[in-house]
Amino acid sequence: MLETKYYTTSNACDYVDVLGYPRSKIDDKRVFAKAIKQLRGKNVLDRSPSYFKYYVKIEPNKSLHDPYTKHSIRTDSRSFVDKICKSENTFMEVNQSVFDKYINYLKTQNNKWLIDAKREVK
């Protein structure tokens, strides 16, 4: 079975891992980032038999989701069709650098991490 790590906000976590990141035991609406272990092929040159793929939650407009301002007052520029038809629980694959910055934002609520992650995605 492949290992999956679910990351969430500090106020909605089931536990905190050894590195201090808030985590969830299951994949539910509280999860904002995932690290999914993948197995490599049987290539002789592969140094490690596995690696991780990283995913972060995104808004329908493809920007990184900000769970801490979800309930604040903000303008919603999406059309009626987008609001009805596009899922709000979409994850996008990102590189490890973006993932690390995003989970640091989930851990610290420091906007600098989120801004840096958004810049790197564009």
N, C-alpha and C. Protein backbone atom coordinates (compact mmCIF):
# COMPACT_ATOMS: atom_id res chain seq x y z
N MET A 1 0.84 -1.19 0.00
CA MET A 1 0.00 0.00 0.00
C MET A 1 0.88 1.25 0.00
N LEU A 2 0.51 2.23 -0.81
CA LEU A 2 1.28 3.46 -0.90
C LEU A 2 0.94 4.40 0.25
N GLU A 3 1.94 5.09 0.71
CA GLU A 3 1.77 6.03 1.82
C GLU A 3 1.28 7.38 1.29
N THR A 4 0.29 7.95 1.96
CA THR A 4 -0.20 9.29 1.63
C THR A 4 -0.21 10.12 2.90
N LYS A 5 0.33 11.33 2.79
CA LYS A 5 0.35 12.26 3.92
C LYS A 5 -0.63 13.38 3.62
N TYR A 6 -1.54 13.63 4.56
CA TYR A 6 -2.55 14.67 4.41
C TYR A 6 -2.23 15.84 5.33
N TYR A 7 -2.15 17.05 4.77
CA TYR A 7 -1.82 18.24 5.55
C TYR A 7 -3.04 19.15 5.63
N THR A 8 -3.21 19.77 6.79
CA THR A 8 -4.37 20.62 7.04
C THR A 8 -3.93 21.85 7.84
N THR A 9 -4.88 22.63 8.30
CA THR A 9 -4.57 23.82 9.09
C THR A 9 -4.35 23.43 10.55
N SER A 10 -3.69 24.29 11.28
CA SER A 10 -3.37 23.98 12.67
C SER A 10 -4.62 23.89 13.56
N ASN A 11 -5.68 24.58 13.19
CA ASN A 11 -6.89 24.53 14.02
C ASN A 11 -7.83 23.39 13.64
N ALA A 12 -7.50 22.61 12.61
CA ALA A 12 -8.36 21.51 12.19
C ALA A 12 -7.62 20.18 12.12
N CYS A 13 -6.45 20.09 12.73
CA CYS A 13 -5.62 18.89 12.57
C CYS A 13 -6.01 17.79 13.56
N ASP A 14 -5.70 16.55 13.15
CA ASP A 14 -5.87 15.40 14.04
C ASP A 14 -4.63 15.23 14.91
N TYR A 15 -3.47 15.56 14.34
CA TYR A 15 -2.22 15.47 15.08
C TYR A 15 -1.17 16.34 14.39
N VAL A 16 -0.06 16.54 15.06
CA VAL A 16 1.07 17.30 14.52
C VAL A 16 2.22 16.31 14.34
N ASP A 17 2.82 16.29 13.14
CA ASP A 17 3.90 15.32 12.90
C ASP A 17 5.20 15.76 13.58
N VAL A 18 6.26 14.97 13.44
CA VAL A 18 7.52 15.24 14.13
C VAL A 18 8.18 16.54 13.67
N LEU A 19 7.84 17.02 12.46
CA LEU A 19 8.39 18.28 11.96
C LEU A 19 7.51 19.48 12.33
N GLY A 20 6.40 19.23 13.03
CA GLY A 20 5.53 20.31 13.48
C GLY A 20 4.42 20.69 12.52
N TYR A 21 4.22 19.89 11.47
CA TYR A 21 3.17 20.20 10.49
C TYR A 21 1.84 19.60 10.92
N PRO A 22 0.75 20.38 10.83
CA PRO A 22 -0.57 19.87 11.18
C PRO A 22 -1.05 18.87 10.12
N ARG A 23 -1.49 17.71 10.57
CA ARG A 23 -1.85 16.64 9.65
C ARG A 23 -3.24 16.08 9.96
N SER A 24 -3.81 15.45 8.98
CA SER A 24 -5.09 14.76 9.11
C SER A 24 -4.86 13.28 8.86
N LYS A 25 -5.64 12.44 9.51
CA LYS A 25 -5.50 11.00 9.31
C LYS A 25 -6.20 10.52 8.05
N ILE A 26 -7.23 11.26 7.62
CA ILE A 26 -8.02 10.84 6.46
C ILE A 26 -8.13 11.98 5.45
N ASP A 27 -8.48 11.62 4.23
CA ASP A 27 -8.67 12.61 3.17
C ASP A 27 -10.11 13.12 3.24
N ASP A 28 -10.28 14.33 3.72
CA ASP A 28 -11.61 14.93 3.79
C ASP A 28 -11.52 16.41 3.44
N LYS A 29 -12.58 17.16 3.71
CA LYS A 29 -12.62 18.57 3.30
C LYS A 29 -11.62 19.44 4.05
N ARG A 30 -11.04 18.94 5.15
CA ARG A 30 -10.05 19.70 5.91
C ARG A 30 -8.66 19.62 5.29
N VAL A 31 -8.45 18.75 4.32
CA VAL A 31 -7.13 18.54 3.72
C VAL A 31 -6.87 19.58 2.63
N PHE A 32 -5.71 20.24 2.73
CA PHE A 32 -5.34 21.28 1.76
C PHE A 32 -4.08 20.95 0.98
N ALA A 33 -3.35 19.92 1.40
CA ALA A 33 -2.16 19.48 0.68
C ALA A 33 -1.96 17.99 0.91
N LYS A 34 -1.41 17.32 -0.11
CA LYS A 34 -1.18 15.87 -0.02
C LYS A 34 0.19 15.54 -0.59
N ALA A 35 0.84 14.57 0.03
CA ALA A 35 2.08 14.00 -0.50
C ALA A 35 1.82 12.51 -0.68
N ILE A 36 1.86 12.04 -1.92
CA ILE A 36 1.52 10.66 -2.23
C ILE A 36 2.76 9.93 -2.71
N LYS A 37 3.13 8.87 -2.00
CA LYS A 37 4.31 8.09 -2.37
C LYS A 37 4.02 7.28 -3.63
N GLN A 38 4.95 7.33 -4.57
CA GLN A 38 4.85 6.61 -5.84
C GLN A 38 6.00 5.61 -5.92
N LEU A 39 5.75 4.50 -6.58
CA LEU A 39 6.80 3.51 -6.78
C LEU A 39 7.45 3.72 -8.14
N ARG A 40 8.76 3.60 -8.19
CA ARG A 40 9.48 3.72 -9.46
C ARG A 40 9.43 2.39 -10.19
N GLY A 41 9.76 2.47 -11.47
CA GLY A 41 9.85 1.26 -12.26
C GLY A 41 11.08 0.46 -11.85
N LYS A 42 11.31 -0.65 -12.49
CA LYS A 42 12.44 -1.51 -12.15
C LYS A 42 13.67 -1.16 -12.96
N ASN A 43 13.99 0.12 -13.01
CA ASN A 43 15.16 0.59 -13.73
C ASN A 43 16.38 0.45 -12.83
N VAL A 44 17.46 -0.07 -13.35
CA VAL A 44 18.67 -0.29 -12.57
C VAL A 44 19.29 1.03 -12.09
N LEU A 45 19.08 2.11 -12.83
CA LEU A 45 19.68 3.39 -12.49
C LEU A 45 18.95 4.14 -11.38
N ASP A 46 17.72 3.73 -11.05
CA ASP A 46 16.97 4.39 -9.98
C ASP A 46 17.65 4.13 -8.64
N ARG A 47 17.94 5.20 -7.92
CA ARG A 47 18.61 5.05 -6.62
C ARG A 47 17.63 4.73 -5.51
N SER A 48 16.42 5.17 -5.66
CA SER A 48 15.41 4.95 -4.62
C SER A 48 14.21 4.24 -5.25
N PRO A 49 13.65 3.27 -4.56
CA PRO A 49 12.51 2.55 -5.13
C PRO A 49 11.20 3.35 -5.11
N SER A 50 11.19 4.52 -4.43
CA SER A 50 9.97 5.31 -4.37
C SER A 50 10.29 6.81 -4.30
N TYR A 51 9.26 7.63 -4.53
CA TYR A 51 9.37 9.08 -4.46
C TYR A 51 7.97 9.62 -4.17
N PHE A 52 7.87 10.90 -3.88
CA PHE A 52 6.57 11.51 -3.58
C PHE A 52 6.12 12.41 -4.72
N LYS A 53 4.81 12.45 -4.95
CA LYS A 53 4.17 13.45 -5.80
C LYS A 53 3.43 14.38 -4.85
N TYR A 54 3.49 15.68 -5.14
CA TYR A 54 2.93 16.68 -4.23
C TYR A 54 1.74 17.38 -4.87
N TYR A 55 0.69 17.56 -4.07
CA TYR A 55 -0.53 18.20 -4.53
C TYR A 55 -0.98 19.24 -3.52
N VAL A 56 -1.50 20.37 -4.02
CA VAL A 56 -2.07 21.41 -3.17
C VAL A 56 -3.47 21.75 -3.68
N LYS A 57 -4.31 22.17 -2.77
CA LYS A 57 -5.68 22.53 -3.12
C LYS A 57 -5.69 23.86 -3.85
N ILE A 58 -6.49 23.95 -4.91
CA ILE A 58 -6.57 25.19 -5.68
C ILE A 58 -8.01 25.67 -5.77
N GLU A 59 -8.15 26.94 -6.04
CA GLU A 59 -9.45 27.57 -6.27
C GLU A 59 -9.89 27.26 -7.71
N PRO A 60 -11.16 27.48 -8.03
CA PRO A 60 -11.61 27.27 -9.42
C PRO A 60 -10.86 28.13 -10.44
N ASN A 61 -10.29 29.26 -10.01
CA ASN A 61 -9.53 30.10 -10.94
C ASN A 61 -8.06 29.67 -11.02
N LYS A 62 -7.73 28.52 -10.46
CA LYS A 62 -6.40 27.89 -10.50
C LYS A 62 -5.36 28.53 -9.59
N SER A 63 -5.75 29.41 -8.69
CA SER A 63 -4.80 29.96 -7.72
C SER A 63 -4.79 29.07 -6.47
N LEU A 64 -3.71 29.14 -5.71
CA LEU A 64 -3.62 28.33 -4.50
C LEU A 64 -4.70 28.73 -3.50
N HIS A 65 -5.29 27.74 -2.88
CA HIS A 65 -6.36 27.97 -1.91
C HIS A 65 -5.80 28.54 -0.61
N ASP A 66 -6.46 29.54 -0.08
CA ASP A 66 -6.07 30.14 1.19
C ASP A 66 -7.13 29.80 2.24
N PRO A 67 -6.90 28.77 3.05
CA PRO A 67 -7.93 28.34 4.00
C PRO A 67 -8.19 29.33 5.13
N TYR A 68 -7.24 30.20 5.40
CA TYR A 68 -7.41 31.13 6.51
C TYR A 68 -8.25 32.34 6.17
N THR A 69 -8.47 32.65 4.90
CA THR A 69 -9.31 33.77 4.52
C THR A 69 -10.58 33.31 3.81
N LYS A 70 -10.89 32.05 3.90
CA LYS A 70 -12.07 31.48 3.24
C LYS A 70 -13.36 32.19 3.66
N HIS A 71 -13.46 32.54 4.92
CA HIS A 71 -14.71 33.12 5.42
C HIS A 71 -14.66 34.64 5.54
N SER A 72 -13.61 35.23 5.03
CA SER A 72 -13.53 36.69 5.08
C SER A 72 -14.30 37.28 3.90
N ILE A 73 -14.52 38.57 3.96
CA ILE A 73 -15.24 39.24 2.88
C ILE A 73 -14.25 39.48 1.74
N ARG A 74 -14.57 38.97 0.57
CA ARG A 74 -13.74 39.19 -0.60
C ARG A 74 -14.62 39.15 -1.83
N THR A 75 -14.17 39.77 -2.88
CA THR A 75 -14.95 39.78 -4.10
C THR A 75 -14.77 38.47 -4.82
N ASP A 76 -15.85 37.96 -5.35
CA ASP A 76 -15.82 36.69 -6.08
C ASP A 76 -16.10 37.00 -7.54
N SER A 77 -15.05 36.91 -8.35
CA SER A 77 -15.17 37.29 -9.76
C SER A 77 -15.62 36.14 -10.65
N ARG A 78 -15.95 35.00 -10.06
CA ARG A 78 -16.38 33.87 -10.86
C ARG A 78 -17.81 34.07 -11.37
N SER A 79 -18.07 33.55 -12.53
CA SER A 79 -19.41 33.64 -13.09
C SER A 79 -20.33 32.62 -12.41
N PHE A 80 -21.62 32.76 -12.65
CA PHE A 80 -22.59 31.83 -12.09
C PHE A 80 -22.30 30.40 -12.54
N VAL A 81 -21.97 30.22 -13.81
CA VAL A 81 -21.68 28.88 -14.34
C VAL A 81 -20.46 28.28 -13.64
N ASP A 82 -19.42 29.08 -13.44
CA ASP A 82 -18.22 28.60 -12.76
C ASP A 82 -18.53 28.18 -11.33
N LYS A 83 -19.36 28.96 -10.64
CA LYS A 83 -19.71 28.63 -9.26
C LYS A 83 -20.47 27.32 -9.17
N ILE A 84 -21.31 27.04 -10.14
CA ILE A 84 -22.13 25.83 -10.12
C ILE A 84 -21.37 24.61 -10.66
N CYS A 85 -20.62 24.80 -11.73
CA CYS A 85 -20.03 23.66 -12.44
C CYS A 85 -18.63 23.28 -12.00
N LYS A 86 -17.85 24.20 -11.49
CA LYS A 86 -16.47 23.89 -11.15
C LYS A 86 -16.36 23.48 -9.69
N SER A 87 -15.68 22.38 -9.46
CA SER A 87 -15.49 21.86 -8.11
C SER A 87 -14.55 22.77 -7.32
N GLU A 88 -14.82 22.91 -6.04
CA GLU A 88 -13.93 23.68 -5.18
C GLU A 88 -12.93 22.79 -4.46
N ASN A 89 -12.95 21.50 -4.75
CA ASN A 89 -12.05 20.56 -4.09
C ASN A 89 -11.06 19.98 -5.09
N THR A 90 -10.45 20.83 -5.88
CA THR A 90 -9.51 20.39 -6.89
C THR A 90 -8.09 20.52 -6.37
N PHE A 91 -7.27 19.53 -6.68
CA PHE A 91 -5.87 19.56 -6.30
C PHE A 91 -5.02 19.62 -7.56
N MET A 92 -3.91 20.34 -7.46
CA MET A 92 -2.99 20.48 -8.59
C MET A 92 -1.63 19.92 -8.16
N GLU A 93 -0.99 19.19 -9.07
CA GLU A 93 0.35 18.69 -8.78
C GLU A 93 1.35 19.84 -8.86
N VAL A 94 2.23 19.92 -7.86
CA VAL A 94 3.24 20.98 -7.80
C VAL A 94 4.60 20.36 -7.48
N ASN A 95 5.64 21.16 -7.61
CA ASN A 95 6.97 20.65 -7.25
C ASN A 95 7.16 20.72 -5.74
N GLN A 96 8.23 20.15 -5.26
CA GLN A 96 8.46 20.07 -3.82
C GLN A 96 8.66 21.45 -3.18
N SER A 97 9.25 22.37 -3.90
CA SER A 97 9.48 23.71 -3.37
C SER A 97 8.16 24.43 -3.08
N VAL A 98 7.23 24.39 -4.03
CA VAL A 98 5.91 25.01 -3.84
C VAL A 98 5.18 24.32 -2.69
N PHE A 99 5.25 23.00 -2.66
CA PHE A 99 4.59 22.23 -1.62
C PHE A 99 5.12 22.61 -0.24
N ASP A 100 6.44 22.67 -0.11
CA ASP A 100 7.04 23.02 1.19
C ASP A 100 6.62 24.41 1.65
N LYS A 101 6.57 25.36 0.73
CA LYS A 101 6.14 26.72 1.09
C LYS A 101 4.68 26.73 1.50
N TYR A 102 3.85 25.97 0.80
CA TYR A 102 2.41 25.94 1.11
C TYR A 102 2.16 25.29 2.48
N ILE A 103 2.83 24.18 2.78
CA ILE A 103 2.59 23.55 4.09
C ILE A 103 3.18 24.39 5.22
N ASN A 104 4.24 25.16 4.92
CA ASN A 104 4.74 26.10 5.93
C ASN A 104 3.70 27.18 6.20
N TYR A 105 2.98 27.61 5.16
CA TYR A 105 1.89 28.57 5.36
C TYR A 105 0.78 27.96 6.21
N LEU A 106 0.43 26.71 5.94
CA LEU A 106 -0.60 26.04 6.74
C LEU A 106 -0.18 25.96 8.21
N LYS A 107 1.10 25.75 8.43
CA LYS A 107 1.63 25.59 9.79
C LYS A 107 1.71 26.93 10.53
N THR A 108 2.19 27.98 9.84
CA THR A 108 2.50 29.24 10.52
C THR A 108 1.49 30.36 10.32
N GLN A 109 0.66 30.26 9.29
CA GLN A 109 -0.28 31.30 8.88
C GLN A 109 0.44 32.59 8.46
N ASN A 110 1.71 32.48 8.12
CA ASN A 110 2.50 33.63 7.67
C ASN A 110 2.29 33.78 6.16
N ASN A 111 1.67 34.90 5.74
CA ASN A 111 1.33 35.12 4.33
C ASN A 111 2.53 35.09 3.40
N LYS A 112 3.72 35.34 3.91
CA LYS A 112 4.93 35.32 3.09
C LYS A 112 5.07 33.96 2.39
N TRP A 113 4.80 32.89 3.11
CA TRP A 113 4.92 31.54 2.52
C TRP A 113 3.92 31.36 1.38
N LEU A 114 2.71 31.81 1.57
CA LEU A 114 1.69 31.66 0.53
C LEU A 114 2.03 32.51 -0.70
N ILE A 115 2.47 33.73 -0.47
CA ILE A 115 2.84 34.62 -1.58
C ILE A 115 3.99 34.01 -2.39
N ASP A 116 5.00 33.49 -1.69
CA ASP A 116 6.14 32.87 -2.38
C ASP A 116 5.70 31.63 -3.17
N ALA A 117 4.82 30.84 -2.60
CA ALA A 117 4.32 29.65 -3.31
C ALA A 117 3.52 30.05 -4.55
N LYS A 118 2.68 31.07 -4.42
CA LYS A 118 1.89 31.54 -5.58
C LYS A 118 2.79 32.07 -6.68
N ARG A 119 3.84 32.79 -6.32
CA ARG A 119 4.78 33.31 -7.32
C ARG A 119 5.45 32.19 -8.09
N GLU A 120 5.82 31.15 -7.36
CA GLU A 120 6.54 30.05 -8.01
C GLU A 120 5.64 29.23 -8.92
N VAL A 121 4.35 29.20 -8.64
CA VAL A 121 3.41 28.44 -9.47
C VAL A 121 3.21 29.14 -10.80
N LYS A 122 3.20 30.47 -10.82
CA LYS A 122 2.92 31.23 -12.06
C LYS A 122 4.05 31.16 -13.04
